[in-house]
N, C-alpha and C. Protein backbone atom coordinates (compact mmCIF):
# COMPACT_ATOMS: atom_id res chain seq x y z
N UNK A 1 -1.05 24.28 -5.57
CA UNK A 1 -0.84 22.86 -5.43
C UNK A 1 -2.26 22.21 -5.19
N UNK A 2 -2.69 21.50 -6.20
CA UNK A 2 -4.02 20.85 -6.11
C UNK A 2 -3.97 19.34 -6.16
N UNK A 3 -4.40 18.72 -5.05
CA UNK A 3 -4.38 17.29 -4.98
C UNK A 3 -5.76 16.66 -5.30
N UNK A 4 -5.74 15.64 -6.08
CA UNK A 4 -7.02 14.96 -6.44
C UNK A 4 -6.83 13.53 -6.21
N UNK A 5 -7.77 12.92 -5.53
CA UNK A 5 -7.75 11.41 -5.35
C UNK A 5 -8.87 10.92 -6.33
N UNK A 6 -8.61 9.80 -6.95
CA UNK A 6 -9.55 9.22 -7.91
C UNK A 6 -9.24 7.79 -8.06
N UNK A 7 -10.28 6.92 -8.57
CA UNK A 7 -9.98 5.56 -8.86
C UNK A 7 -9.01 5.41 -9.99
N UNK A 8 -8.14 4.47 -9.93
CA UNK A 8 -7.19 4.16 -10.97
C UNK A 8 -7.89 3.64 -12.27
N UNK A 9 -7.29 3.96 -13.38
CA UNK A 9 -7.72 3.42 -14.64
C UNK A 9 -6.51 2.74 -15.32
N UNK A 10 -6.80 2.09 -16.39
CA UNK A 10 -5.63 1.35 -17.15
C UNK A 10 -4.67 2.47 -17.61
N UNK A 11 -5.05 3.69 -17.88
CA UNK A 11 -4.16 4.74 -18.27
C UNK A 11 -3.06 5.00 -17.17
N UNK A 12 -3.30 4.66 -15.97
CA UNK A 12 -2.38 4.92 -14.82
C UNK A 12 -1.36 3.79 -14.69
N UNK A 13 -1.52 2.71 -15.34
CA UNK A 13 -0.69 1.50 -15.09
C UNK A 13 0.89 1.76 -15.22
N UNK A 14 1.18 2.50 -16.26
CA UNK A 14 2.61 2.76 -16.38
C UNK A 14 3.17 3.61 -15.26
N UNK A 15 2.50 4.51 -14.83
CA UNK A 15 2.96 5.39 -13.65
C UNK A 15 3.02 4.57 -12.40
N UNK A 16 1.96 3.77 -12.14
CA UNK A 16 1.96 2.86 -11.02
C UNK A 16 3.17 1.92 -11.03
N UNK A 17 3.37 1.33 -12.32
CA UNK A 17 4.55 0.49 -12.43
C UNK A 17 5.85 1.16 -12.17
N UNK A 18 5.98 2.46 -12.57
CA UNK A 18 7.28 3.13 -12.26
C UNK A 18 7.44 3.38 -10.77
N UNK A 19 6.34 3.67 -10.07
CA UNK A 19 6.40 3.87 -8.64
C UNK A 19 6.81 2.60 -7.99
N UNK A 20 6.15 1.46 -8.26
CA UNK A 20 6.42 0.14 -7.67
C UNK A 20 7.87 -0.26 -7.99
N UNK A 21 8.28 -0.08 -9.29
CA UNK A 21 9.62 -0.55 -9.60
C UNK A 21 10.69 0.33 -8.89
N UNK A 22 10.48 1.59 -8.66
CA UNK A 22 11.37 2.35 -7.96
C UNK A 22 11.51 1.88 -6.46
N UNK A 23 10.36 1.47 -5.96
CA UNK A 23 10.35 0.92 -4.66
C UNK A 23 11.11 -0.38 -4.55
N UNK A 24 10.92 -1.29 -5.55
CA UNK A 24 11.66 -2.54 -5.61
C UNK A 24 13.09 -2.32 -5.68
N UNK A 25 13.54 -1.42 -6.49
CA UNK A 25 15.01 -1.20 -6.69
C UNK A 25 15.70 -0.47 -5.59
N UNK A 26 14.96 0.36 -4.82
CA UNK A 26 15.67 1.24 -3.85
C UNK A 26 15.20 1.23 -2.50
N UNK A 27 14.16 0.39 -2.12
CA UNK A 27 13.74 0.50 -0.72
C UNK A 27 13.40 -0.96 -0.24
N UNK A 28 13.13 -1.06 1.05
CA UNK A 28 12.68 -2.27 1.56
C UNK A 28 11.14 -2.19 1.89
N UNK A 29 10.47 -1.22 1.27
CA UNK A 29 8.96 -1.18 1.32
C UNK A 29 8.35 -2.32 0.58
N UNK A 30 9.06 -2.84 -0.35
CA UNK A 30 8.62 -3.96 -1.13
C UNK A 30 9.79 -5.00 -1.20
N UNK A 31 9.52 -6.17 -0.79
CA UNK A 31 10.65 -7.19 -0.67
C UNK A 31 10.91 -7.91 -1.96
N UNK A 32 10.32 -7.51 -3.09
CA UNK A 32 10.63 -8.12 -4.34
C UNK A 32 12.07 -7.68 -4.83
N UNK A 33 12.71 -8.48 -5.59
CA UNK A 33 14.06 -8.19 -6.09
C UNK A 33 14.06 -7.66 -7.54
N UNK A 34 13.15 -8.11 -8.32
CA UNK A 34 13.14 -7.80 -9.80
C UNK A 34 11.98 -6.94 -10.09
N UNK A 35 12.22 -6.01 -10.98
CA UNK A 35 11.18 -5.12 -11.43
C UNK A 35 10.07 -5.78 -12.09
N UNK A 36 8.87 -5.25 -11.94
CA UNK A 36 7.71 -5.90 -12.55
C UNK A 36 7.50 -5.35 -13.98
N UNK A 37 6.73 -6.20 -14.71
CA UNK A 37 6.38 -5.82 -16.11
C UNK A 37 5.06 -5.17 -16.15
N UNK A 38 4.74 -4.54 -17.28
CA UNK A 38 3.45 -3.96 -17.48
C UNK A 38 2.41 -5.04 -17.48
N UNK A 39 2.72 -6.22 -18.01
CA UNK A 39 1.85 -7.34 -18.05
C UNK A 39 1.45 -7.81 -16.57
N UNK A 40 2.32 -7.88 -15.73
CA UNK A 40 2.12 -8.17 -14.33
C UNK A 40 1.28 -7.22 -13.69
N UNK A 41 1.66 -5.84 -13.90
CA UNK A 41 0.85 -4.81 -13.26
C UNK A 41 -0.56 -4.76 -13.84
N UNK A 42 -0.79 -5.08 -15.11
CA UNK A 42 -2.13 -5.16 -15.68
C UNK A 42 -2.98 -6.26 -15.03
N UNK A 43 -2.32 -7.43 -14.80
CA UNK A 43 -3.02 -8.51 -14.17
C UNK A 43 -3.43 -8.16 -12.79
N UNK A 44 -2.47 -7.44 -12.08
CA UNK A 44 -2.83 -6.99 -10.64
C UNK A 44 -4.03 -6.06 -10.67
N UNK A 45 -4.01 -5.15 -11.61
CA UNK A 45 -5.13 -4.24 -11.76
C UNK A 45 -6.50 -4.93 -12.05
N UNK A 46 -6.40 -5.88 -13.03
CA UNK A 46 -7.64 -6.57 -13.34
C UNK A 46 -8.13 -7.44 -12.25
N UNK A 47 -7.25 -8.04 -11.49
CA UNK A 47 -7.60 -8.89 -10.27
C UNK A 47 -8.33 -8.00 -9.24
N UNK A 48 -7.82 -6.84 -9.02
CA UNK A 48 -8.31 -5.87 -8.00
C UNK A 48 -9.77 -5.48 -8.48
N UNK A 49 -9.92 -5.13 -9.75
CA UNK A 49 -11.15 -4.72 -10.22
C UNK A 49 -12.23 -5.85 -10.22
N UNK A 50 -11.82 -7.05 -10.53
CA UNK A 50 -12.73 -8.21 -10.57
C UNK A 50 -13.23 -8.50 -9.09
N UNK A 51 -12.41 -8.17 -8.15
CA UNK A 51 -12.82 -8.47 -6.69
C UNK A 51 -13.36 -7.24 -6.02
N UNK A 52 -13.66 -6.18 -6.80
CA UNK A 52 -14.17 -4.94 -6.24
C UNK A 52 -13.27 -4.38 -5.21
N UNK A 53 -11.98 -4.42 -5.38
CA UNK A 53 -11.02 -3.84 -4.47
C UNK A 53 -10.41 -2.55 -5.01
N UNK A 54 -10.36 -1.52 -4.28
CA UNK A 54 -10.00 -0.25 -4.87
C UNK A 54 -8.48 0.03 -5.11
N UNK A 55 -8.22 0.75 -6.11
CA UNK A 55 -6.89 1.28 -6.35
C UNK A 55 -7.11 2.79 -6.42
N UNK A 56 -6.57 3.55 -5.49
CA UNK A 56 -6.80 4.98 -5.53
C UNK A 56 -5.50 5.73 -6.00
N UNK A 57 -5.67 6.60 -6.82
CA UNK A 57 -4.65 7.40 -7.45
C UNK A 57 -4.55 8.74 -6.72
N UNK A 58 -3.40 9.29 -6.46
CA UNK A 58 -3.23 10.69 -5.99
C UNK A 58 -2.53 11.42 -7.13
N UNK A 59 -3.21 12.47 -7.54
CA UNK A 59 -2.67 13.31 -8.60
C UNK A 59 -2.37 14.68 -7.98
N UNK A 60 -1.19 15.19 -8.16
CA UNK A 60 -0.89 16.53 -7.70
C UNK A 60 -0.63 17.40 -8.97
N UNK A 61 -1.44 18.43 -9.13
CA UNK A 61 -1.40 19.31 -10.26
C UNK A 61 -1.41 18.47 -11.62
N UNK A 62 -2.28 17.48 -11.65
CA UNK A 62 -2.37 16.56 -12.81
C UNK A 62 -1.38 15.50 -13.05
N UNK A 63 -0.45 15.41 -12.11
CA UNK A 63 0.62 14.43 -12.17
C UNK A 63 0.38 13.33 -11.21
N UNK A 64 0.45 12.03 -11.57
CA UNK A 64 0.30 10.92 -10.61
C UNK A 64 1.53 10.87 -9.72
N UNK A 65 1.30 11.08 -8.43
CA UNK A 65 2.39 11.09 -7.43
C UNK A 65 2.24 10.01 -6.40
N UNK A 66 1.25 9.13 -6.51
CA UNK A 66 1.13 8.03 -5.55
C UNK A 66 -0.13 7.25 -5.86
N UNK A 67 -0.29 6.18 -5.06
CA UNK A 67 -1.41 5.25 -5.18
C UNK A 67 -1.51 4.46 -3.88
N UNK A 68 -2.69 3.98 -3.70
CA UNK A 68 -2.94 3.06 -2.49
C UNK A 68 -3.94 2.04 -2.97
N UNK A 69 -3.83 0.82 -2.29
CA UNK A 69 -4.84 -0.17 -2.52
C UNK A 69 -4.86 -1.14 -1.36
N UNK A 70 -5.83 -2.02 -1.43
CA UNK A 70 -5.90 -3.07 -0.47
C UNK A 70 -6.39 -4.35 -1.12
N UNK A 71 -6.08 -5.48 -0.41
CA UNK A 71 -6.61 -6.77 -0.92
C UNK A 71 -6.78 -7.68 0.21
N UNK A 72 -7.34 -8.81 -0.02
CA UNK A 72 -7.56 -9.81 1.08
C UNK A 72 -6.31 -10.14 1.82
N UNK A 73 -6.40 -10.23 3.13
CA UNK A 73 -5.26 -10.47 3.95
C UNK A 73 -4.71 -11.91 3.74
N UNK A 74 -5.70 -12.83 3.84
CA UNK A 74 -5.41 -14.24 3.47
C UNK A 74 -6.65 -14.75 2.72
N UNK A 75 -6.41 -15.88 2.01
CA UNK A 75 -7.47 -16.47 1.12
C UNK A 75 -8.59 -17.23 1.84
N UNK A 76 -8.30 -17.76 2.98
CA UNK A 76 -9.33 -18.58 3.71
C UNK A 76 -10.50 -17.76 4.15
N UNK A 77 -11.70 -18.35 4.01
CA UNK A 77 -12.90 -17.67 4.26
C UNK A 77 -12.97 -16.89 5.57
N UNK A 78 -12.36 -17.50 6.64
CA UNK A 78 -12.38 -16.83 7.95
C UNK A 78 -11.69 -15.48 7.96
N UNK A 79 -10.93 -15.16 7.00
CA UNK A 79 -10.22 -13.81 6.91
C UNK A 79 -10.95 -12.90 6.04
N UNK A 80 -12.14 -13.13 5.63
CA UNK A 80 -12.85 -12.39 4.63
C UNK A 80 -13.14 -10.90 4.99
N UNK A 81 -13.07 -10.62 6.27
CA UNK A 81 -13.32 -9.20 6.72
C UNK A 81 -12.03 -8.40 7.10
N UNK A 82 -10.91 -8.94 6.62
CA UNK A 82 -9.62 -8.40 6.90
C UNK A 82 -8.93 -8.09 5.57
N UNK A 83 -8.34 -6.94 5.45
CA UNK A 83 -7.64 -6.50 4.24
C UNK A 83 -6.24 -6.05 4.65
N UNK A 84 -5.30 -6.17 3.74
CA UNK A 84 -3.93 -5.67 3.86
C UNK A 84 -3.77 -4.59 2.77
N UNK A 85 -3.20 -3.45 3.24
CA UNK A 85 -3.14 -2.28 2.32
C UNK A 85 -1.68 -1.92 2.00
N UNK A 86 -1.55 -1.19 0.94
CA UNK A 86 -0.25 -0.63 0.54
C UNK A 86 -0.53 0.76 0.07
N UNK A 87 0.40 1.70 0.44
CA UNK A 87 0.38 3.07 0.02
C UNK A 87 1.82 3.41 -0.48
N UNK A 88 1.89 3.90 -1.70
CA UNK A 88 3.21 4.28 -2.29
C UNK A 88 2.98 5.77 -2.74
N UNK A 89 4.11 6.59 -2.45
CA UNK A 89 4.13 7.94 -3.01
C UNK A 89 5.57 8.12 -3.58
N UNK A 90 5.69 9.00 -4.60
CA UNK A 90 6.96 9.29 -5.13
C UNK A 90 7.83 10.09 -4.04
N UNK A 91 9.13 9.89 -4.21
CA UNK A 91 10.03 10.46 -3.16
C UNK A 91 9.83 11.95 -3.00
N UNK A 92 9.60 12.65 -4.09
CA UNK A 92 9.51 14.13 -4.11
C UNK A 92 8.25 14.75 -3.28
N UNK A 93 7.37 13.82 -2.98
CA UNK A 93 6.24 14.29 -2.15
C UNK A 93 6.08 13.74 -0.82
N UNK A 94 7.01 12.88 -0.46
CA UNK A 94 6.97 12.27 0.90
C UNK A 94 7.04 13.35 1.92
N UNK A 95 6.10 13.29 3.00
CA UNK A 95 6.02 14.24 4.00
C UNK A 95 5.07 15.45 3.67
N UNK A 96 4.47 15.40 2.56
CA UNK A 96 3.55 16.54 2.08
C UNK A 96 2.01 16.16 2.36
N UNK A 97 1.76 15.04 3.08
CA UNK A 97 0.39 14.72 3.36
C UNK A 97 -0.34 13.86 2.29
N UNK A 98 0.31 13.54 1.24
CA UNK A 98 -0.31 12.78 0.19
C UNK A 98 -0.56 11.26 0.62
N UNK A 99 0.36 10.74 1.26
CA UNK A 99 0.24 9.38 1.85
C UNK A 99 -0.88 9.33 2.91
N UNK A 100 -1.09 10.43 3.65
CA UNK A 100 -2.14 10.48 4.66
C UNK A 100 -3.48 10.57 4.00
N UNK A 101 -3.53 11.30 2.95
CA UNK A 101 -4.88 11.37 2.24
C UNK A 101 -5.26 10.06 1.61
N UNK A 102 -4.17 9.36 1.02
CA UNK A 102 -4.44 8.00 0.40
C UNK A 102 -4.90 7.06 1.46
N UNK A 103 -4.19 7.03 2.64
CA UNK A 103 -4.54 6.07 3.68
C UNK A 103 -5.94 6.38 4.23
N UNK A 104 -6.22 7.63 4.40
CA UNK A 104 -7.62 8.02 4.90
C UNK A 104 -8.64 7.53 3.97
N UNK A 105 -8.39 7.67 2.63
CA UNK A 105 -9.36 7.23 1.68
C UNK A 105 -9.53 5.68 1.68
N UNK A 106 -8.42 5.00 1.81
CA UNK A 106 -8.46 3.52 1.89
C UNK A 106 -9.29 3.07 3.09
N UNK A 107 -9.04 3.75 4.25
CA UNK A 107 -9.80 3.37 5.44
C UNK A 107 -11.25 3.62 5.25
N UNK A 108 -11.57 4.83 4.64
CA UNK A 108 -13.00 5.11 4.38
C UNK A 108 -13.70 4.06 3.50
N UNK A 109 -12.93 3.64 2.44
CA UNK A 109 -13.46 2.69 1.51
C UNK A 109 -13.63 1.28 2.14
N UNK A 110 -12.64 0.90 2.97
CA UNK A 110 -12.76 -0.34 3.64
C UNK A 110 -13.91 -0.41 4.61
N UNK A 111 -14.17 0.63 5.33
CA UNK A 111 -15.36 0.65 6.17
C UNK A 111 -16.60 0.63 5.41
N UNK A 112 -16.68 1.42 4.25
CA UNK A 112 -17.81 1.43 3.44
C UNK A 112 -18.10 0.00 2.81
N UNK A 113 -17.10 -0.79 2.58
CA UNK A 113 -17.25 -2.10 1.97
C UNK A 113 -17.45 -3.16 3.15
N UNK A 114 -17.53 -2.75 4.36
CA UNK A 114 -17.82 -3.71 5.44
C UNK A 114 -16.71 -4.40 6.00
N UNK A 115 -15.48 -4.03 5.70
CA UNK A 115 -14.31 -4.79 6.40
C UNK A 115 -14.16 -4.38 7.79
N UNK A 116 -13.55 -5.24 8.58
CA UNK A 116 -13.52 -5.12 10.01
C UNK A 116 -11.99 -4.75 10.44
N UNK A 117 -11.05 -5.24 9.74
CA UNK A 117 -9.66 -5.00 10.15
C UNK A 117 -8.83 -4.62 8.97
N UNK A 118 -7.88 -3.64 9.03
CA UNK A 118 -7.00 -3.38 8.03
C UNK A 118 -5.55 -3.58 8.56
N UNK A 119 -4.76 -4.33 7.81
CA UNK A 119 -3.37 -4.71 8.26
C UNK A 119 -2.44 -3.91 7.34
N UNK A 120 -1.29 -3.59 7.98
CA UNK A 120 -0.09 -3.08 7.18
C UNK A 120 1.02 -3.88 7.66
N UNK A 121 1.80 -4.36 6.65
CA UNK A 121 3.01 -5.10 6.86
C UNK A 121 4.22 -4.24 6.47
N UNK A 122 4.93 -3.88 7.44
CA UNK A 122 6.05 -2.76 7.30
C UNK A 122 7.37 -3.27 7.74
N UNK A 123 8.37 -2.94 6.92
CA UNK A 123 9.78 -3.28 7.29
C UNK A 123 10.06 -2.68 8.64
N UNK A 124 10.67 -3.46 9.58
CA UNK A 124 10.88 -3.00 10.83
C UNK A 124 11.83 -1.73 10.99
N UNK A 125 12.69 -1.62 10.02
CA UNK A 125 13.62 -0.44 9.98
C UNK A 125 12.91 0.79 9.45
N UNK A 126 11.74 0.71 8.97
CA UNK A 126 11.06 1.86 8.39
C UNK A 126 10.23 2.60 9.48
N UNK A 127 11.04 3.32 10.37
CA UNK A 127 10.37 3.99 11.46
C UNK A 127 9.43 5.10 10.97
N UNK A 128 9.62 5.71 9.83
CA UNK A 128 8.72 6.64 9.33
C UNK A 128 7.37 6.12 9.03
N UNK A 129 7.39 4.98 8.36
CA UNK A 129 6.09 4.33 8.05
C UNK A 129 5.37 3.81 9.33
N UNK A 130 6.11 3.36 10.24
CA UNK A 130 5.49 2.87 11.50
C UNK A 130 4.86 4.05 12.22
N UNK A 131 5.55 5.15 12.33
CA UNK A 131 5.02 6.34 13.05
C UNK A 131 3.78 6.89 12.20
N UNK A 132 3.93 6.84 10.87
CA UNK A 132 2.79 7.30 10.02
C UNK A 132 1.52 6.46 10.34
N UNK A 133 1.66 5.14 10.44
CA UNK A 133 0.54 4.27 10.61
C UNK A 133 -0.06 4.50 12.09
N UNK A 134 0.85 4.74 13.06
CA UNK A 134 0.36 5.00 14.45
C UNK A 134 -0.46 6.26 14.45
N UNK A 135 -0.19 7.22 13.64
CA UNK A 135 -1.02 8.45 13.61
C UNK A 135 -2.52 8.17 13.23
N UNK A 136 -2.71 7.05 12.59
CA UNK A 136 -4.06 6.71 12.11
C UNK A 136 -4.66 5.75 13.01
N UNK A 137 -4.00 5.38 14.15
CA UNK A 137 -4.55 4.47 15.09
C UNK A 137 -4.12 2.98 14.95
N UNK A 138 -3.24 2.74 13.99
CA UNK A 138 -2.73 1.45 13.78
C UNK A 138 -1.88 1.06 14.94
N UNK A 139 -1.92 -0.24 15.43
CA UNK A 139 -1.06 -0.69 16.50
C UNK A 139 -0.28 -1.85 16.03
N UNK A 140 0.96 -1.85 16.42
CA UNK A 140 1.96 -2.84 16.11
C UNK A 140 1.55 -4.17 16.92
N UNK A 141 1.26 -5.16 16.20
CA UNK A 141 0.72 -6.43 16.85
C UNK A 141 1.73 -7.55 16.86
N UNK A 142 2.82 -7.42 16.15
CA UNK A 142 3.83 -8.46 16.12
C UNK A 142 4.96 -8.19 15.18
N UNK A 143 6.11 -8.72 15.36
CA UNK A 143 7.26 -8.64 14.48
C UNK A 143 7.70 -10.02 14.18
N UNK A 144 7.77 -10.24 12.91
CA UNK A 144 8.39 -11.49 12.38
C UNK A 144 9.89 -11.27 12.08
N UNK A 145 10.66 -11.97 12.79
CA UNK A 145 12.16 -11.73 12.68
C UNK A 145 12.78 -12.44 11.52
N UNK A 146 13.53 -11.67 10.70
CA UNK A 146 14.35 -12.24 9.68
C UNK A 146 13.53 -13.02 8.65
N UNK A 147 12.29 -12.55 8.29
CA UNK A 147 11.50 -13.28 7.38
C UNK A 147 11.74 -12.81 5.92
N UNK A 148 12.46 -11.72 5.77
CA UNK A 148 12.72 -11.18 4.44
C UNK A 148 14.21 -11.00 4.31
N UNK A 149 14.69 -11.00 3.00
CA UNK A 149 16.11 -10.85 2.77
C UNK A 149 16.21 -10.04 1.47
N UNK A 150 16.93 -8.88 1.68
CA UNK A 150 17.13 -7.96 0.53
C UNK A 150 18.30 -7.08 0.85
N UNK A 151 18.93 -6.61 -0.23
CA UNK A 151 20.10 -5.75 -0.08
C UNK A 151 21.14 -6.35 0.86
N UNK A 152 21.31 -7.66 0.77
CA UNK A 152 22.36 -8.42 1.51
C UNK A 152 22.26 -8.50 2.99
N UNK A 153 20.94 -8.35 3.51
CA UNK A 153 20.79 -8.50 4.89
C UNK A 153 19.29 -9.00 5.25
N UNK A 154 19.18 -9.65 6.37
CA UNK A 154 17.83 -10.10 6.83
C UNK A 154 16.91 -8.91 7.21
N UNK A 155 15.71 -9.07 7.02
CA UNK A 155 14.70 -8.04 7.32
C UNK A 155 13.64 -8.58 8.15
N UNK A 156 13.28 -7.75 9.23
CA UNK A 156 12.20 -8.03 10.11
C UNK A 156 10.88 -7.32 9.52
N UNK A 157 9.79 -7.94 9.78
CA UNK A 157 8.49 -7.42 9.29
C UNK A 157 7.57 -7.16 10.45
N UNK A 158 7.06 -5.95 10.56
CA UNK A 158 6.15 -5.52 11.62
C UNK A 158 4.77 -5.58 11.07
N UNK A 159 3.88 -6.29 11.72
CA UNK A 159 2.50 -6.30 11.44
C UNK A 159 1.75 -5.18 12.27
N UNK A 160 1.02 -4.27 11.62
CA UNK A 160 0.25 -3.35 12.26
C UNK A 160 -1.18 -3.48 11.87
N UNK A 161 -2.07 -3.23 12.78
CA UNK A 161 -3.47 -3.41 12.49
C UNK A 161 -4.32 -2.25 13.04
N UNK A 162 -5.40 -2.05 12.32
CA UNK A 162 -6.42 -1.05 12.67
C UNK A 162 -7.80 -1.72 12.66
N UNK A 163 -8.47 -1.70 13.87
CA UNK A 163 -9.86 -2.21 13.86
C UNK A 163 -10.71 -1.02 13.28
N UNK A 164 -11.39 -1.35 12.23
CA UNK A 164 -12.21 -0.33 11.56
C UNK A 164 -13.51 -0.27 12.28
N UNK A 165 -13.93 0.99 12.63
CA UNK A 165 -15.19 1.13 13.38
C UNK A 165 -16.23 1.86 12.57
């Protein structure tokens, strides 16, 4: 079993799209309702590249099994040193350390780029993701009650933050 982390290329967009769309259809990790198109995913990719924001691919034995990225937390200039991240892995490799390696790499890159804080916005019922983030030193800083709605019920959103040192 050989894991490789690398920057995403346009050749990865279909696999990223499949991972995102699975999340949209089957989880509350993503509060979207409708699957994304390749056009939307391509624009997302181009926007990240134009802003020098990373998209990291995890390949296991040559197969894309996850990705991570981050972007500006808010658009106002006062938030310029804060990023919000996302990490996605395919179901078959959850719990095998791939998400940990992706998040470690995102944290390293954010520090390297001079960011001060990394935020994670996590569905409050996703205890696994909350515990995962706590292992990296993220602290729950607030819960927004019933701000999301998906799968016929209201969803609470937990904000977790890591001060990058």
